[in-house]
Amino acid sequence: MDESTLREGLARLGIGSDDWRSVLVLPLVQVAWADTTIQGGERLRIAELSRELGANPTLVERWLTERPSNDELTLARQLIVAL
């Protein structure tokens, strides 16, 4: 994946180039949504890890409130591998 494709993929997820670390949180979000509900402890831990990673808190909160689509999660995994 070249840099242009990587940036386009991040943009499709609503992630700007300054917030690229946010994509690293999506696998955790996916696991948290596995039982169809985000538990309070999961939300707190993901928010804490997000801060440590330097992820965009607005994006992370959106993903914790509204489950990302399977296509978004697949794209996130591809982007993580490319990064």
PDB file of N, CA and C in Angstrom:
ATOM      1  N   MET A   1       0.859  -1.168   0.000  1.00  0.00           N
ATOM      2  CA  MET A   1       0.000   0.000   0.000  1.00  0.00           C
ATOM      3  C   MET A   1       0.907   1.233   0.000  1.00  0.00           C
ATOM      4  N   ASP A   2       0.718   2.119  -0.976  1.00  0.00           N
ATOM      5  CA  ASP A   2       1.542   3.324  -1.027  1.00  0.00           C
ATOM      6  C   ASP A   2       0.948   4.405  -0.118  1.00  0.00           C
ATOM      7  N   GLU A   3       1.694   5.466   0.061  1.00  0.00           N
ATOM      8  CA  GLU A   3       1.291   6.520   1.000  1.00  0.00           C
ATOM      9  C   GLU A   3      -0.038   7.160   0.618  1.00  0.00           C
ATOM     10  N   SER A   4      -0.261   7.368  -0.660  1.00  0.00           N
ATOM     11  CA  SER A   4      -1.501   7.978  -1.124  1.00  0.00           C
ATOM     12  C   SER A   4      -2.707   7.097  -0.784  1.00  0.00           C
ATOM     13  N   THR A   5      -2.577   5.810  -1.021  1.00  0.00           N
ATOM     14  CA  THR A   5      -3.656   4.866  -0.713  1.00  0.00           C
ATOM     15  C   THR A   5      -3.886   4.802   0.793  1.00  0.00           C
ATOM     16  N   LEU A   6      -2.813   4.848   1.546  1.00  0.00           N
ATOM     17  CA  LEU A   6      -2.911   4.844   3.008  1.00  0.00           C
ATOM     18  C   LEU A   6      -3.671   6.064   3.495  1.00  0.00           C
ATOM     19  N   ARG A   7      -3.337   7.227   2.978  1.00  0.00           N
ATOM     20  CA  ARG A   7      -4.031   8.457   3.379  1.00  0.00           C
ATOM     21  C   ARG A   7      -5.506   8.419   2.984  1.00  0.00           C
ATOM     22  N   GLU A   8      -5.799   7.880   1.806  1.00  0.00           N
ATOM     23  CA  GLU A   8      -7.194   7.766   1.363  1.00  0.00           C
ATOM     24  C   GLU A   8      -7.977   6.834   2.279  1.00  0.00           C
ATOM     25  N   GLY A   9      -7.356   5.739   2.659  1.00  0.00           N
ATOM     26  CA  GLY A   9      -8.008   4.798   3.568  1.00  0.00           C
ATOM     27  C   GLY A   9      -8.292   5.424   4.922  1.00  0.00           C
ATOM     28  N   LEU A  10      -7.322   6.144   5.453  1.00  0.00           N
ATOM     29  CA  LEU A  10      -7.534   6.835   6.726  1.00  0.00           C
ATOM     30  C   LEU A  10      -8.669   7.842   6.600  1.00  0.00           C
ATOM     31  N   ALA A  11      -8.694   8.571   5.496  1.00  0.00           N
ATOM     32  CA  ALA A  11      -9.752   9.564   5.278  1.00  0.00           C
ATOM     33  C   ALA A  11     -11.119   8.896   5.216  1.00  0.00           C
ATOM     34  N   ARG A  12     -11.204   7.717   4.610  1.00  0.00           N
ATOM     35  CA  ARG A  12     -12.481   6.992   4.551  1.00  0.00           C
ATOM     36  C   ARG A  12     -12.996   6.654   5.944  1.00  0.00           C
ATOM     37  N   LEU A  13     -12.073   6.510   6.881  1.00  0.00           N
ATOM     38  CA  LEU A  13     -12.452   6.226   8.267  1.00  0.00           C
ATOM     39  C   LEU A  13     -12.648   7.502   9.087  1.00  0.00           C
ATOM     40  N   GLY A  14     -12.476   8.645   8.445  1.00  0.00           N
ATOM     41  CA  GLY A  14     -12.607   9.915   9.148  1.00  0.00           C
ATOM     42  C   GLY A  14     -11.379  10.299   9.939  1.00  0.00           C
ATOM     43  N   ILE A  15     -10.249   9.710   9.573  1.00  0.00           N
ATOM     44  CA  ILE A  15      -9.006   9.925  10.303  1.00  0.00           C
ATOM     45  C   ILE A  15      -8.085  10.803   9.464  1.00  0.00           C
ATOM     46  N   GLY A  16      -7.684  11.937  10.028  1.00  0.00           N
ATOM     47  CA  GLY A  16      -6.734  12.815   9.363  1.00  0.00           C
ATOM     48  C   GLY A  16      -5.319  12.306   9.554  1.00  0.00           C
ATOM     49  N   SER A  17      -4.401  12.808   8.769  1.00  0.00           N
ATOM     50  CA  SER A  17      -3.019  12.329   8.853  1.00  0.00           C
ATOM     51  C   SER A  17      -2.393  12.598  10.219  1.00  0.00           C
ATOM     52  N   ASP A  18      -2.848  13.637  10.916  1.00  0.00           N
ATOM     53  CA  ASP A  18      -2.317  13.915  12.254  1.00  0.00           C
ATOM     54  C   ASP A  18      -2.857  12.948  13.305  1.00  0.00           C
ATOM     55  N   ASP A  19      -3.976  12.291  12.985  1.00  0.00           N
ATOM     56  CA  ASP A  19      -4.631  11.384  13.934  1.00  0.00           C
ATOM     57  C   ASP A  19      -4.464   9.917  13.554  1.00  0.00           C
ATOM     58  N   TRP A  20      -3.441   9.589  12.773  1.00  0.00           N
ATOM     59  CA  TRP A  20      -3.304   8.229  12.252  1.00  0.00           C
ATOM     60  C   TRP A  20      -3.288   7.174  13.355  1.00  0.00           C
ATOM     61  N   ARG A  21      -2.857   7.531  14.550  1.00  0.00           N
ATOM     62  CA  ARG A  21      -2.806   6.557  15.653  1.00  0.00           C
ATOM     63  C   ARG A  21      -4.194   6.058  16.043  1.00  0.00           C
ATOM     64  N   SER A  22      -5.205   6.822  15.680  1.00  0.00           N
ATOM     65  CA  SER A  22      -6.581   6.437  16.010  1.00  0.00           C
ATOM     66  C   SER A  22      -6.949   5.091  15.409  1.00  0.00           C
ATOM     67  N   VAL A  23      -6.419   4.771  14.239  1.00  0.00           N
ATOM     68  CA  VAL A  23      -6.748   3.504  13.585  1.00  0.00           C
ATOM     69  C   VAL A  23      -6.303   2.317  14.437  1.00  0.00           C
ATOM     70  N   LEU A  24      -5.311   2.501  15.272  1.00  0.00           N
ATOM     71  CA  LEU A  24      -4.809   1.420  16.115  1.00  0.00           C
ATOM     72  C   LEU A  24      -5.821   0.987  17.169  1.00  0.00           C
ATOM     73  N   VAL A  25      -6.787   1.841  17.451  1.00  0.00           N
ATOM     74  CA  VAL A  25      -7.800   1.560  18.472  1.00  0.00           C
ATOM     75  C   VAL A  25      -8.932   0.692  17.925  1.00  0.00           C
ATOM     76  N   LEU A  26      -9.136   0.698  16.624  1.00  0.00           N
ATOM     77  CA  LEU A  26     -10.286   0.007  16.048  1.00  0.00           C
ATOM     78  C   LEU A  26     -10.340  -1.498  16.344  1.00  0.00           C
ATOM     79  N   PRO A  27      -9.242  -2.232  16.353  1.00  0.00           N
ATOM     80  CA  PRO A  27      -9.362  -3.647  16.742  1.00  0.00           C
ATOM     81  C   PRO A  27      -9.882  -3.826  18.171  1.00  0.00           C
ATOM     82  N   LEU A  28      -9.488  -2.941  19.066  1.00  0.00           N
ATOM     83  CA  LEU A  28     -10.009  -3.006  20.436  1.00  0.00           C
ATOM     84  C   LEU A  28     -11.502  -2.710  20.467  1.00  0.00           C
ATOM     85  N   VAL A  29     -11.901  -1.737  19.679  1.00  0.00           N
ATOM     86  CA  VAL A  29     -13.323  -1.383  19.580  1.00  0.00           C
ATOM     87  C   VAL A  29     -14.107  -2.570  19.029  1.00  0.00           C
ATOM     88  N   GLN A  30     -13.555  -3.234  18.031  1.00  0.00           N
ATOM     89  CA  GLN A  30     -14.227  -4.392  17.442  1.00  0.00           C
ATOM     90  C   GLN A  30     -14.458  -5.478  18.490  1.00  0.00           C
ATOM     91  N   VAL A  31     -13.465  -5.768  19.278  1.00  0.00           N
ATOM     92  CA  VAL A  31     -13.601  -6.788  20.326  1.00  0.00           C
ATOM     93  C   VAL A  31     -14.638  -6.348  21.360  1.00  0.00           C
ATOM     94  N   ALA A  32     -14.621  -5.081  21.714  1.00  0.00           N
ATOM     95  CA  ALA A  32     -15.588  -4.585  22.699  1.00  0.00           C
ATOM     96  C   ALA A  32     -17.026  -4.712  22.198  1.00  0.00           C
ATOM     97  N   TRP A  33     -17.219  -4.542  20.889  1.00  0.00           N
ATOM     98  CA  TRP A  33     -18.557  -4.662  20.302  1.00  0.00           C
ATOM     99  C   TRP A  33     -18.965  -6.112  20.048  1.00  0.00           C
ATOM    100  N   ALA A  34     -18.090  -7.079  20.285  1.00  0.00           N
ATOM    101  CA  ALA A  34     -18.356  -8.473  19.931  1.00  0.00           C
ATOM    102  C   ALA A  34     -19.644  -9.011  20.546  1.00  0.00           C
ATOM    103  N   ASP A  35     -19.983  -8.561  21.723  1.00  0.00           N
ATOM    104  CA  ASP A  35     -21.224  -9.025  22.363  1.00  0.00           C
ATOM    105  C   ASP A  35     -22.374  -8.047  22.147  1.00  0.00           C
ATOM    106  N   THR A  36     -22.237  -7.163  21.182  1.00  0.00           N
ATOM    107  CA  THR A  36     -23.236  -6.163  20.746  1.00  0.00           C
ATOM    108  C   THR A  36     -23.417  -4.990  21.702  1.00  0.00           C
ATOM    109  N   THR A  37     -22.685  -4.951  22.789  1.00  0.00           N
ATOM    110  CA  THR A  37     -22.793  -3.855  23.754  1.00  0.00           C
ATOM    111  C   THR A  37     -21.406  -3.525  24.310  1.00  0.00           C
ATOM    112  N   ILE A  38     -21.132  -2.237  24.401  1.00  0.00           N
ATOM    113  CA  ILE A  38     -19.878  -1.812  25.029  1.00  0.00           C
ATOM    114  C   ILE A  38     -20.127  -1.725  26.540  1.00  0.00           C
ATOM    115  N   GLN A  39     -19.346  -2.452  27.296  1.00  0.00           N
ATOM    116  CA  GLN A  39     -19.460  -2.421  28.755  1.00  0.00           C
ATOM    117  C   GLN A  39     -18.713  -1.198  29.292  1.00  0.00           C
ATOM    118  N   GLY A  40     -19.120  -0.737  30.474  1.00  0.00           N
ATOM    119  CA  GLY A  40     -18.496   0.442  31.072  1.00  0.00           C
ATOM    120  C   GLY A  40     -17.000   0.308  31.243  1.00  0.00           C
ATOM    121  N   GLY A  41     -16.561  -0.854  31.708  1.00  0.00           N
ATOM    122  CA  GLY A  41     -15.130  -1.090  31.893  1.00  0.00           C
ATOM    123  C   GLY A  41     -14.366  -1.089  30.574  1.00  0.00           C
ATOM    124  N   GLU A  42     -15.001  -1.649  29.548  1.00  0.00           N
ATOM    125  CA  GLU A  42     -14.372  -1.648  28.218  1.00  0.00           C
ATOM    126  C   GLU A  42     -14.208  -0.218  27.718  1.00  0.00           C
ATOM    127  N   ARG A  43     -15.261   0.562  27.868  1.00  0.00           N
ATOM    128  CA  ARG A  43     -15.234   1.960  27.413  1.00  0.00           C
ATOM    129  C   ARG A  43     -14.120   2.733  28.107  1.00  0.00           C
ATOM    130  N   LEU A  44     -14.019   2.573  29.414  1.00  0.00           N
ATOM    131  CA  LEU A  44     -12.999   3.296  30.178  1.00  0.00           C
ATOM    132  C   LEU A  44     -11.592   2.871  29.768  1.00  0.00           C
ATOM    133  N   ARG A  45     -11.373   1.577  29.610  1.00  0.00           N
ATOM    134  CA  ARG A  45     -10.039   1.084  29.265  1.00  0.00           C
ATOM    135  C   ARG A  45      -9.635   1.505  27.854  1.00  0.00           C
ATOM    136  N   ILE A  46     -10.587   1.429  26.913  1.00  0.00           N
ATOM    137  CA  ILE A  46     -10.280   1.848  25.545  1.00  0.00           C
ATOM    138  C   ILE A  46     -10.001   3.346  25.505  1.00  0.00           C
ATOM    139  N   ALA A  47     -10.762   4.122  26.247  1.00  0.00           N
ATOM    140  CA  ALA A  47     -10.517   5.571  26.296  1.00  0.00           C
ATOM    141  C   ALA A  47      -9.133   5.857  26.881  1.00  0.00           C
ATOM    142  N   GLU A  48      -8.766   5.124  27.915  1.00  0.00           N
ATOM    143  CA  GLU A  48      -7.450   5.302  28.540  1.00  0.00           C
ATOM    144  C   GLU A  48      -6.323   4.944  27.566  1.00  0.00           C
ATOM    145  N   LEU A  49      -6.441   3.810  26.913  1.00  0.00           N
ATOM    146  CA  LEU A  49      -5.428   3.400  25.936  1.00  0.00           C
ATOM    147  C   LEU A  49      -5.364   4.373  24.768  1.00  0.00           C
ATOM    148  N   SER A  50      -6.508   4.886  24.366  1.00  0.00           N
ATOM    149  CA  SER A  50      -6.560   5.856  23.270  1.00  0.00           C
ATOM    150  C   SER A  50      -5.759   7.104  23.612  1.00  0.00           C
ATOM    151  N   ARG A  51      -5.933   7.573  24.830  1.00  0.00           N
ATOM    152  CA  ARG A  51      -5.161   8.750  25.270  1.00  0.00           C
ATOM    153  C   ARG A  51      -3.670   8.448  25.247  1.00  0.00           C
ATOM    154  N   GLU A  52      -3.295   7.269  25.722  1.00  0.00           N
ATOM    155  CA  GLU A  52      -1.883   6.886  25.744  1.00  0.00           C
ATOM    156  C   GLU A  52      -1.298   6.809  24.327  1.00  0.00           C
ATOM    157  N   LEU A  53      -2.117   6.364  23.380  1.00  0.00           N
ATOM    158  CA  LEU A  53      -1.665   6.253  21.988  1.00  0.00           C
ATOM    159  C   LEU A  53      -1.673   7.593  21.257  1.00  0.00           C
ATOM    160  N   GLY A  54      -2.402   8.556  21.789  1.00  0.00           N
ATOM    161  CA  GLY A  54      -2.538   9.837  21.111  1.00  0.00           C
ATOM    162  C   GLY A  54      -3.629   9.824  20.057  1.00  0.00           C
ATOM    163  N   ALA A  55      -4.615   8.942  20.229  1.00  0.00           N
ATOM    164  CA  ALA A  55      -5.736   8.846  19.292  1.00  0.00           C
ATOM    165  C   ALA A  55      -6.687  10.028  19.476  1.00  0.00           C
ATOM    166  N   ASN A  56      -7.446  10.317  18.439  1.00  0.00           N
ATOM    167  CA  ASN A  56      -8.432  11.391  18.472  1.00  0.00           C
ATOM    168  C   ASN A  56      -9.602  10.970  19.364  1.00  0.00           C
ATOM    169  N   PRO A  57      -9.823  11.640  20.496  1.00  0.00           N
ATOM    170  CA  PRO A  57     -10.874  11.215  21.422  1.00  0.00           C
ATOM    171  C   PRO A  57     -12.282  11.305  20.832  1.00  0.00           C
ATOM    172  N   THR A  58     -12.505  12.242  19.937  1.00  0.00           N
ATOM    173  CA  THR A  58     -13.827  12.367  19.314  1.00  0.00           C
ATOM    174  C   THR A  58     -14.131  11.152  18.445  1.00  0.00           C
ATOM    175  N   LEU A  59     -13.148  10.718  17.667  1.00  0.00           N
ATOM    176  CA  LEU A  59     -13.325   9.528  16.837  1.00  0.00           C
ATOM    177  C   LEU A  59     -13.565   8.293  17.693  1.00  0.00           C
ATOM    178  N   VAL A  60     -12.763   8.132  18.714  1.00  0.00           N
ATOM    179  CA  VAL A  60     -12.880   6.961  19.573  1.00  0.00           C
ATOM    180  C   VAL A  60     -14.255   6.941  20.239  1.00  0.00           C
ATOM    181  N   GLU A  61     -14.717   8.058  20.723  1.00  0.00           N
ATOM    182  CA  GLU A  61     -16.034   8.119  21.357  1.00  0.00           C
ATOM    183  C   GLU A  61     -17.128   7.749  20.352  1.00  0.00           C
ATOM    184  N   ARG A  62     -16.992   8.212  19.118  1.00  0.00           N
ATOM    185  CA  ARG A  62     -17.983   7.861  18.085  1.00  0.00           C
ATOM    186  C   ARG A  62     -18.004   6.352  17.865  1.00  0.00           C
ATOM    187  N   TRP A  63     -16.815   5.725  17.777  1.00  0.00           N
ATOM    188  CA  TRP A  63     -16.740   4.284  17.562  1.00  0.00           C
ATOM    189  C   TRP A  63     -17.282   3.498  18.751  1.00  0.00           C
ATOM    190  N   LEU A  64     -17.162   4.070  19.939  1.00  0.00           N
ATOM    191  CA  LEU A  64     -17.693   3.398  21.128  1.00  0.00           C
ATOM    192  C   LEU A  64     -19.198   3.591  21.265  1.00  0.00           C
ATOM    193  N   THR A  65     -19.732   4.590  20.595  1.00  0.00           N
ATOM    194  CA  THR A  65     -21.162   4.871  20.649  1.00  0.00           C
ATOM    195  C   THR A  65     -21.907   4.186  19.507  1.00  0.00           C
ATOM    196  N   GLU A  66     -21.279   4.195  18.334  1.00  0.00           N
ATOM    197  CA  GLU A  66     -21.886   3.591  17.144  1.00  0.00           C
ATOM    198  C   GLU A  66     -20.886   2.604  16.551  1.00  0.00           C
ATOM    199  N   ARG A  67     -21.278   1.338  16.501  1.00  0.00           N
ATOM    200  CA  ARG A  67     -20.360   0.293  16.035  1.00  0.00           C
ATOM    201  C   ARG A  67     -19.906   0.564  14.602  1.00  0.00           C
ATOM    202  N   PRO A  68     -18.584   0.543  14.376  1.00  0.00           N
ATOM    203  CA  PRO A  68     -18.081   0.681  13.006  1.00  0.00           C
ATOM    204  C   PRO A  68     -18.564  -0.489  12.151  1.00  0.00           C
ATOM    205  N   SER A  69     -18.751  -0.241  10.866  1.00  0.00           N
ATOM    206  CA  SER A  69     -19.204  -1.295   9.957  1.00  0.00           C
ATOM    207  C   SER A  69     -18.095  -2.332   9.756  1.00  0.00           C
ATOM    208  N   ASN A  70     -18.492  -3.494   9.270  1.00  0.00           N
ATOM    209  CA  ASN A  70     -17.498  -4.534   8.972  1.00  0.00           C
ATOM    210  C   ASN A  70     -16.499  -4.051   7.930  1.00  0.00           C
ATOM    211  N   ASP A  71     -16.971  -3.277   6.949  1.00  0.00           N
ATOM    212  CA  ASP A  71     -16.062  -2.733   5.937  1.00  0.00           C
ATOM    213  C   ASP A  71     -15.031  -1.794   6.561  1.00  0.00           C
ATOM    214  N   GLU A  72     -15.472  -0.958   7.510  1.00  0.00           N
ATOM    215  CA  GLU A  72     -14.546  -0.047   8.188  1.00  0.00           C
ATOM    216  C   GLU A  72     -13.516  -0.825   8.997  1.00  0.00           C
ATOM    217  N   LEU A  73     -13.968  -1.865   9.670  1.00  0.00           N
ATOM    218  CA  LEU A  73     -13.054  -2.663  10.484  1.00  0.00           C
ATOM    219  C   LEU A  73     -12.047  -3.421   9.618  1.00  0.00           C
ATOM    220  N   THR A  74     -12.502  -3.924   8.482  1.00  0.00           N
ATOM    221  CA  THR A  74     -11.595  -4.598   7.549  1.00  0.00           C
ATOM    222  C   THR A  74     -10.561  -3.617   7.017  1.00  0.00           C
ATOM    223  N   LEU A  75     -11.021  -2.431   6.625  1.00  0.00           N
ATOM    224  CA  LEU A  75     -10.100  -1.397   6.135  1.00  0.00           C
ATOM    225  C   LEU A  75      -9.096  -1.028   7.225  1.00  0.00           C
ATOM    226  N   ALA A  76      -9.554  -0.894   8.449  1.00  0.00           N
ATOM    227  CA  ALA A  76      -8.657  -0.550   9.566  1.00  0.00           C
ATOM    228  C   ALA A  76      -7.554  -1.585   9.715  1.00  0.00           C
ATOM    229  N   ARG A  77      -7.899  -2.863   9.624  1.00  0.00           N
ATOM    230  CA  ARG A  77      -6.870  -3.909   9.747  1.00  0.00           C
ATOM    231  C   ARG A  77      -5.859  -3.811   8.612  1.00  0.00           C
ATOM    232  N   GLN A  78      -6.323  -3.543   7.397  1.00  0.00           N
ATOM    233  CA  GLN A  78      -5.418  -3.387   6.256  1.00  0.00           C
ATOM    234  C   GLN A  78      -4.476  -2.201   6.458  1.00  0.00           C
ATOM    235  N   LEU A  79      -5.024  -1.118   6.993  1.00  0.00           N
ATOM    236  CA  LEU A  79      -4.213   0.071   7.230  1.00  0.00           C
ATOM    237  C   LEU A  79      -3.176  -0.157   8.310  1.00  0.00           C
ATOM    238  N   ILE A  80      -3.560  -0.881   9.342  1.00  0.00           N
ATOM    239  CA  ILE A  80      -2.628  -1.178  10.430  1.00  0.00           C
ATOM    240  C   ILE A  80      -1.449  -1.996   9.907  1.00  0.00           C
ATOM    241  N   VAL A  81      -1.735  -2.977   9.071  1.00  0.00           N
ATOM    242  CA  VAL A  81      -0.664  -3.782   8.480  1.00  0.00           C
ATOM    243  C   VAL A  81       0.251  -2.887   7.645  1.00  0.00           C
ATOM    244  N   ALA A  82      -0.340  -1.978   6.884  1.00  0.00           N
ATOM    245  CA  ALA A  82       0.449  -1.093   6.030  1.00  0.00           C
ATOM    246  C   ALA A  82       1.296  -0.121   6.851  1.00  0.00           C
ATOM    247  N   LEU A  83       0.757   0.322   7.980  1.00  0.00           N
ATOM    248  CA  LEU A  83       1.511   1.243   8.813  1.00  0.00           C
ATOM    249  C   LEU A  83       2.731   0.562   9.408  1.00  0.00           C
TER     250      LEU A  83
END
